[in-house]
């Protein structure tokens, strides 16, 4: 089980076309801050029908989009 699985399930279960989550919102879902390993683990999200569209270090947000 991936350490990011609770985030992937959250995104899948809410069934939105796209999400823009702040780092703080992601932390609240996961229970920990994301780190550099997120860049590797984000590939798992495709199994849930979504992908990471953009990571903004300046705004401290991540945009997730449903794969069409």
PDB file of N, CA and C in Angstrom:
ATOM      1  N   UNK A   1       0.837  -1.183   0.000  1.00  0.00           N
ATOM      2  CA  UNK A   1       0.000   0.000   0.000  1.00  0.00           C
ATOM      3  C   UNK A   1       0.881   1.246   0.000  1.00  0.00           C
ATOM      4  N   UNK A   2       0.556   2.172  -0.867  1.00  0.00           N
ATOM      5  CA  UNK A   2       1.308   3.415  -1.009  1.00  0.00           C
ATOM      6  C   UNK A   2       1.027   4.356   0.156  1.00  0.00           C
ATOM      7  N   UNK A   3       2.020   5.118   0.528  1.00  0.00           N
ATOM      8  CA  UNK A   3       1.804   6.105   1.594  1.00  0.00           C
ATOM      9  C   UNK A   3       0.866   7.222   1.151  1.00  0.00           C
ATOM     10  N   UNK A   4       0.633   7.340  -0.148  1.00  0.00           N
ATOM     11  CA  UNK A   4      -0.263   8.368  -0.683  1.00  0.00           C
ATOM     12  C   UNK A   4      -1.651   7.826  -1.030  1.00  0.00           C
ATOM     13  N   UNK A   5      -1.916   6.589  -0.703  1.00  0.00           N
ATOM     14  CA  UNK A   5      -3.186   5.968  -1.095  1.00  0.00           C
ATOM     15  C   UNK A   5      -4.416   6.714  -0.565  1.00  0.00           C
ATOM     16  N   UNK A   6      -4.351   7.253   0.626  1.00  0.00           N
ATOM     17  CA  UNK A   6      -5.516   7.979   1.159  1.00  0.00           C
ATOM     18  C   UNK A   6      -5.819   9.219   0.315  1.00  0.00           C
ATOM     19  N   UNK A   7      -4.800   9.862  -0.237  1.00  0.00           N
ATOM     20  CA  UNK A   7      -5.004  11.009  -1.124  1.00  0.00           C
ATOM     21  C   UNK A   7      -5.610  10.552  -2.443  1.00  0.00           C
ATOM     22  N   UNK A   8      -5.096   9.470  -3.010  1.00  0.00           N
ATOM     23  CA  UNK A   8      -5.632   8.943  -4.270  1.00  0.00           C
ATOM     24  C   UNK A   8      -7.099   8.559  -4.106  1.00  0.00           C
ATOM     25  N   UNK A   9      -7.437   7.915  -3.006  1.00  0.00           N
ATOM     26  CA  UNK A   9      -8.834   7.524  -2.765  1.00  0.00           C
ATOM     27  C   UNK A   9      -9.729   8.752  -2.592  1.00  0.00           C
ATOM     28  N   UNK A  10      -9.237   9.754  -1.890  1.00  0.00           N
ATOM     29  CA  UNK A  10      -9.993  10.996  -1.697  1.00  0.00           C
ATOM     30  C   UNK A  10     -10.341  11.600  -3.050  1.00  0.00           C
ATOM     31  N   UNK A  11      -9.359  11.680  -3.926  1.00  0.00           N
ATOM     32  CA  UNK A  11      -9.574  12.271  -5.251  1.00  0.00           C
ATOM     33  C   UNK A  11     -10.563  11.437  -6.059  1.00  0.00           C
ATOM     34  N   UNK A  12     -10.390  10.137  -6.061  1.00  0.00           N
ATOM     35  CA  UNK A  12     -11.267   9.262  -6.839  1.00  0.00           C
ATOM     36  C   UNK A  12     -12.704   9.285  -6.314  1.00  0.00           C
ATOM     37  N   UNK A  13     -12.877   9.223  -5.006  1.00  0.00           N
ATOM     38  CA  UNK A  13     -14.210   9.127  -4.412  1.00  0.00           C
ATOM     39  C   UNK A  13     -15.027  10.410  -4.571  1.00  0.00           C
ATOM     40  N   UNK A  14     -14.374  11.554  -4.709  1.00  0.00           N
ATOM     41  CA  UNK A  14     -15.100  12.812  -4.859  1.00  0.00           C
ATOM     42  C   UNK A  14     -15.497  13.101  -6.299  1.00  0.00           C
ATOM     43  N   UNK A  15     -14.953  12.375  -7.237  1.00  0.00           N
ATOM     44  CA  UNK A  15     -15.371  12.349  -8.645  1.00  0.00           C
ATOM     45  C   UNK A  15     -15.469  13.712  -9.336  1.00  0.00           C
ATOM     46  N   UNK A  16     -14.614  14.638  -8.996  1.00  0.00           N
ATOM     47  CA  UNK A  16     -14.577  15.913  -9.701  1.00  0.00           C
ATOM     48  C   UNK A  16     -13.706  15.769 -10.947  1.00  0.00           C
ATOM     49  N   UNK A  17     -13.922  16.658 -11.907  1.00  0.00           N
ATOM     50  CA  UNK A  17     -13.095  16.648 -13.123  1.00  0.00           C
ATOM     51  C   UNK A  17     -11.665  17.085 -12.817  1.00  0.00           C
ATOM     52  N   UNK A  18     -11.552  18.047 -11.889  1.00  0.00           N
ATOM     53  CA  UNK A  18     -10.214  18.495 -11.496  1.00  0.00           C
ATOM     54  C   UNK A  18     -10.250  19.013 -10.058  1.00  0.00           C
ATOM     55  N   UNK A  19      -9.095  19.033  -9.454  1.00  0.00           N
ATOM     56  CA  UNK A  19      -8.922  19.497  -8.080  1.00  0.00           C
ATOM     57  C   UNK A  19      -7.734  20.428  -8.045  1.00  0.00           C
ATOM     58  N   UNK A  20      -7.834  21.463  -7.244  1.00  0.00           N
ATOM     59  CA  UNK A  20      -6.676  22.292  -6.922  1.00  0.00           C
ATOM     60  C   UNK A  20      -6.590  22.280  -5.404  1.00  0.00           C
ATOM     61  N   UNK A  21      -5.618  21.561  -4.914  1.00  0.00           N
ATOM     62  CA  UNK A  21      -5.455  21.421  -3.467  1.00  0.00           C
ATOM     63  C   UNK A  21      -4.170  22.100  -3.027  1.00  0.00           C
ATOM     64  N   UNK A  22      -4.250  22.790  -1.915  1.00  0.00           N
ATOM     65  CA  UNK A  22      -3.048  23.397  -1.345  1.00  0.00           C
ATOM     66  C   UNK A  22      -2.231  22.310  -0.651  1.00  0.00           C
ATOM     67  N   UNK A  23      -0.975  22.601  -0.422  1.00  0.00           N
ATOM     68  CA  UNK A  23      -0.128  21.654   0.311  1.00  0.00           C
ATOM     69  C   UNK A  23      -0.749  21.354   1.677  1.00  0.00           C
ATOM     70  N   UNK A  24      -1.353  22.381   2.288  1.00  0.00           N
ATOM     71  CA  UNK A  24      -1.963  22.214   3.615  1.00  0.00           C
ATOM     72  C   UNK A  24      -3.162  21.264   3.541  1.00  0.00           C
ATOM     73  N   UNK A  25      -3.988  21.388   2.506  1.00  0.00           N
ATOM     74  CA  UNK A  25      -5.129  20.481   2.335  1.00  0.00           C
ATOM     75  C   UNK A  25      -4.649  19.043   2.126  1.00  0.00           C
ATOM     76  N   UNK A  26      -3.598  18.894   1.339  1.00  0.00           N
ATOM     77  CA  UNK A  26      -3.025  17.561   1.115  1.00  0.00           C
ATOM     78  C   UNK A  26      -2.512  16.994   2.435  1.00  0.00           C
ATOM     79  N   UNK A  27      -1.855  17.842   3.222  1.00  0.00           N
ATOM     80  CA  UNK A  27      -1.356  17.409   4.536  1.00  0.00           C
ATOM     81  C   UNK A  27      -2.506  16.948   5.428  1.00  0.00           C
ATOM     82  N   UNK A  28      -3.622  17.663   5.399  1.00  0.00           N
ATOM     83  CA  UNK A  28      -4.777  17.284   6.212  1.00  0.00           C
ATOM     84  C   UNK A  28      -5.364  15.940   5.787  1.00  0.00           C
ATOM     85  N   UNK A  29      -5.334  15.642   4.497  1.00  0.00           N
ATOM     86  CA  UNK A  29      -5.846  14.367   3.990  1.00  0.00           C
ATOM     87  C   UNK A  29      -4.901  13.222   4.355  1.00  0.00           C
ATOM     88  N   UNK A  30      -3.601  13.468   4.185  1.00  0.00           N
ATOM     89  CA  UNK A  30      -2.607  12.416   4.395  1.00  0.00           C
ATOM     90  C   UNK A  30      -2.183  12.254   5.851  1.00  0.00           C
ATOM     91  N   UNK A  31      -2.159  13.351   6.573  1.00  0.00           N
ATOM     92  CA  UNK A  31      -1.646  13.314   7.940  1.00  0.00           C
ATOM     93  C   UNK A  31      -0.153  13.608   8.002  1.00  0.00           C
ATOM     94  N   UNK A  32       0.448  13.966   6.881  1.00  0.00           N
ATOM     95  CA  UNK A  32       1.862  14.337   6.833  1.00  0.00           C
ATOM     96  C   UNK A  32       2.098  15.243   5.624  1.00  0.00           C
ATOM     97  N   UNK A  33       3.214  15.966   5.660  1.00  0.00           N
ATOM     98  CA  UNK A  33       3.579  16.834   4.542  1.00  0.00           C
ATOM     99  C   UNK A  33       4.079  16.003   3.368  1.00  0.00           C
ATOM    100  N   UNK A  34       3.767  16.449   2.150  1.00  0.00           N
ATOM    101  CA  UNK A  34       4.341  15.771   1.000  1.00  0.00           C
ATOM    102  C   UNK A  34       5.827  16.105   0.947  1.00  0.00           C
ATOM    103  N   UNK A  35       6.585  15.207   0.352  1.00  0.00           N
ATOM    104  CA  UNK A  35       8.012  15.433   0.211  1.00  0.00           C
ATOM    105  C   UNK A  35       8.414  15.117  -1.228  1.00  0.00           C
ATOM    106  N   UNK A  36       9.695  15.056  -1.479  1.00  0.00           N
ATOM    107  CA  UNK A  36      10.195  14.817  -2.833  1.00  0.00           C
ATOM    108  C   UNK A  36       9.719  13.477  -3.409  1.00  0.00           C
ATOM    109  N   UNK A  37       9.433  12.511  -2.550  1.00  0.00           N
ATOM    110  CA  UNK A  37       8.981  11.204  -3.036  1.00  0.00           C
ATOM    111  C   UNK A  37       7.640  11.295  -3.762  1.00  0.00           C
ATOM    112  N   UNK A  38       6.903  12.375  -3.541  1.00  0.00           N
ATOM    113  CA  UNK A  38       5.624  12.570  -4.222  1.00  0.00           C
ATOM    114  C   UNK A  38       5.801  12.508  -5.733  1.00  0.00           C
ATOM    115  N   UNK A  39       6.930  13.001  -6.221  1.00  0.00           N
ATOM    116  CA  UNK A  39       7.192  13.013  -7.658  1.00  0.00           C
ATOM    117  C   UNK A  39       7.248  11.594  -8.226  1.00  0.00           C
ATOM    118  N   UNK A  40       7.689  10.643  -7.432  1.00  0.00           N
ATOM    119  CA  UNK A  40       7.717   9.244  -7.852  1.00  0.00           C
ATOM    120  C   UNK A  40       6.345   8.608  -7.690  1.00  0.00           C
ATOM    121  N   UNK A  41       5.732   8.819  -6.551  1.00  0.00           N
ATOM    122  CA  UNK A  41       4.449   8.184  -6.237  1.00  0.00           C
ATOM    123  C   UNK A  41       3.282   8.707  -7.070  1.00  0.00           C
ATOM    124  N   UNK A  42       3.388   9.928  -7.604  1.00  0.00           N
ATOM    125  CA  UNK A  42       2.267  10.508  -8.353  1.00  0.00           C
ATOM    126  C   UNK A  42       1.863   9.643  -9.546  1.00  0.00           C
ATOM    127  N   UNK A  43       2.752   8.799 -10.028  1.00  0.00           N
ATOM    128  CA  UNK A  43       2.453   7.892 -11.143  1.00  0.00           C
ATOM    129  C   UNK A  43       1.337   6.913 -10.788  1.00  0.00           C
ATOM    130  N   UNK A  44       1.217   6.586  -9.508  1.00  0.00           N
ATOM    131  CA  UNK A  44       0.179   5.654  -9.047  1.00  0.00           C
ATOM    132  C   UNK A  44      -1.226   6.196  -9.265  1.00  0.00           C
ATOM    133  N   UNK A  45      -1.354   7.488  -9.321  1.00  0.00           N
ATOM    134  CA  UNK A  45      -2.663   8.128  -9.430  1.00  0.00           C
ATOM    135  C   UNK A  45      -3.391   7.731 -10.710  1.00  0.00           C
ATOM    136  N   UNK A  46      -2.661   7.384 -11.752  1.00  0.00           N
ATOM    137  CA  UNK A  46      -3.283   6.975 -13.026  1.00  0.00           C
ATOM    138  C   UNK A  46      -4.154   5.742 -12.841  1.00  0.00           C
ATOM    139  N   UNK A  47      -3.813   4.883 -11.887  1.00  0.00           N
ATOM    140  CA  UNK A  47      -4.623   3.698 -11.589  1.00  0.00           C
ATOM    141  C   UNK A  47      -6.004   4.094 -11.058  1.00  0.00           C
ATOM    142  N   UNK A  48      -6.133   5.308 -10.568  1.00  0.00           N
ATOM    143  CA  UNK A  48      -7.384   5.812 -10.012  1.00  0.00           C
ATOM    144  C   UNK A  48      -8.127   6.721 -10.993  1.00  0.00           C
ATOM    145  N   UNK A  49      -7.580   6.853 -12.210  1.00  0.00           N
ATOM    146  CA  UNK A  49      -8.245   7.637 -13.242  1.00  0.00           C
ATOM    147  C   UNK A  49      -7.907   9.111 -13.256  1.00  0.00           C
ATOM    148  N   UNK A  50      -6.861   9.501 -12.560  1.00  0.00           N
ATOM    149  CA  UNK A  50      -6.453  10.909 -12.489  1.00  0.00           C
ATOM    150  C   UNK A  50      -4.954  11.031 -12.726  1.00  0.00           C
ATOM    151  N   UNK A  51      -4.523  12.272 -12.942  1.00  0.00           N
ATOM    152  CA  UNK A  51      -3.107  12.554 -13.071  1.00  0.00           C
ATOM    153  C   UNK A  51      -2.796  13.897 -12.426  1.00  0.00           C
ATOM    154  N   UNK A  52      -1.533  14.104 -12.096  1.00  0.00           N
ATOM    155  CA  UNK A  52      -1.097  15.391 -11.576  1.00  0.00           C
ATOM    156  C   UNK A  52      -0.848  16.284 -12.783  1.00  0.00           C
ATOM    157  N   UNK A  53      -1.585  17.362 -12.846  1.00  0.00           N
ATOM    158  CA  UNK A  53      -1.485  18.281 -13.970  1.00  0.00           C
ATOM    159  C   UNK A  53      -0.399  19.332 -13.751  1.00  0.00           C
ATOM    160  N   UNK A  54      -0.345  19.867 -12.530  1.00  0.00           N
ATOM    161  CA  UNK A  54       0.627  20.925 -12.241  1.00  0.00           C
ATOM    162  C   UNK A  54       0.936  20.968 -10.755  1.00  0.00           C
ATOM    163  N   UNK A  55       2.202  21.168 -10.459  1.00  0.00           N
ATOM    164  CA  UNK A  55       2.637  21.401  -9.084  1.00  0.00           C
ATOM    165  C   UNK A  55       3.230  22.804  -9.054  1.00  0.00           C
ATOM    166  N   UNK A  56       2.654  23.680  -8.243  1.00  0.00           N
ATOM    167  CA  UNK A  56       3.152  25.049  -8.129  1.00  0.00           C
ATOM    168  C   UNK A  56       3.859  25.230  -6.791  1.00  0.00           C
ATOM    169  N   UNK A  57       5.169  25.366  -6.877  1.00  0.00           N
ATOM    170  CA  UNK A  57       5.953  25.609  -5.662  1.00  0.00           C
ATOM    171  C   UNK A  57       5.674  27.016  -5.125  1.00  0.00           C
ATOM    172  N   UNK A  58       5.425  27.953  -6.025  1.00  0.00           N
ATOM    173  CA  UNK A  58       5.177  29.346  -5.630  1.00  0.00           C
ATOM    174  C   UNK A  58       3.845  29.464  -4.885  1.00  0.00           C
ATOM    175  N   UNK A  59       2.774  28.885  -5.465  1.00  0.00           N
ATOM    176  CA  UNK A  59       1.455  28.963  -4.837  1.00  0.00           C
ATOM    177  C   UNK A  59       1.234  27.885  -3.784  1.00  0.00           C
ATOM    178  N   UNK A  60       2.127  26.898  -3.753  1.00  0.00           N
ATOM    179  CA  UNK A  60       2.012  25.748  -2.857  1.00  0.00           C
ATOM    180  C   UNK A  60       0.697  25.015  -3.084  1.00  0.00           C
ATOM    181  N   UNK A  61       0.449  24.690  -4.370  1.00  0.00           N
ATOM    182  CA  UNK A  61      -0.757  23.967  -4.755  1.00  0.00           C
ATOM    183  C   UNK A  61      -0.411  22.855  -5.738  1.00  0.00           C
ATOM    184  N   UNK A  62      -1.337  21.897  -5.818  1.00  0.00           N
ATOM    185  CA  UNK A  62      -1.231  20.799  -6.786  1.00  0.00           C
ATOM    186  C   UNK A  62      -2.564  20.710  -7.500  1.00  0.00           C
ATOM    187  N   UNK A  63      -2.510  20.622  -8.832  1.00  0.00           N
ATOM    188  CA  UNK A  63      -3.720  20.455  -9.617  1.00  0.00           C
ATOM    189  C   UNK A  63      -3.773  19.006 -10.129  1.00  0.00           C
ATOM    190  N   UNK A  64      -4.882  18.355  -9.852  1.00  0.00           N
ATOM    191  CA  UNK A  64      -5.135  16.991 -10.285  1.00  0.00           C
ATOM    192  C   UNK A  64      -6.251  17.018 -11.322  1.00  0.00           C
ATOM    193  N   UNK A  65      -6.125  16.263 -12.409  1.00  0.00           N
ATOM    194  CA  UNK A  65      -7.153  16.233 -13.436  1.00  0.00           C
ATOM    195  C   UNK A  65      -7.543  14.798 -13.762  1.00  0.00           C
ATOM    196  N   UNK A  66      -8.830  14.632 -14.056  1.00  0.00           N
ATOM    197  CA  UNK A  66      -9.352  13.331 -14.460  1.00  0.00           C
ATOM    198  C   UNK A  66      -8.820  12.994 -15.853  1.00  0.00           C
ATOM    199  N   UNK A  67      -8.395  11.768 -16.045  1.00  0.00           N
ATOM    200  CA  UNK A  67      -7.903  11.316 -17.339  1.00  0.00           C
ATOM    201  C   UNK A  67      -9.117  10.995 -18.209  1.00  0.00           C
ATOM    202  N   UNK A  68      -9.117  11.528 -19.418  1.00  0.00           N
ATOM    203  CA  UNK A  68     -10.268  11.318 -20.304  1.00  0.00           C
ATOM    204  C   UNK A  68      -9.996  10.217 -21.294  1.00  0.00           C
TER     205      UNK A  68
END
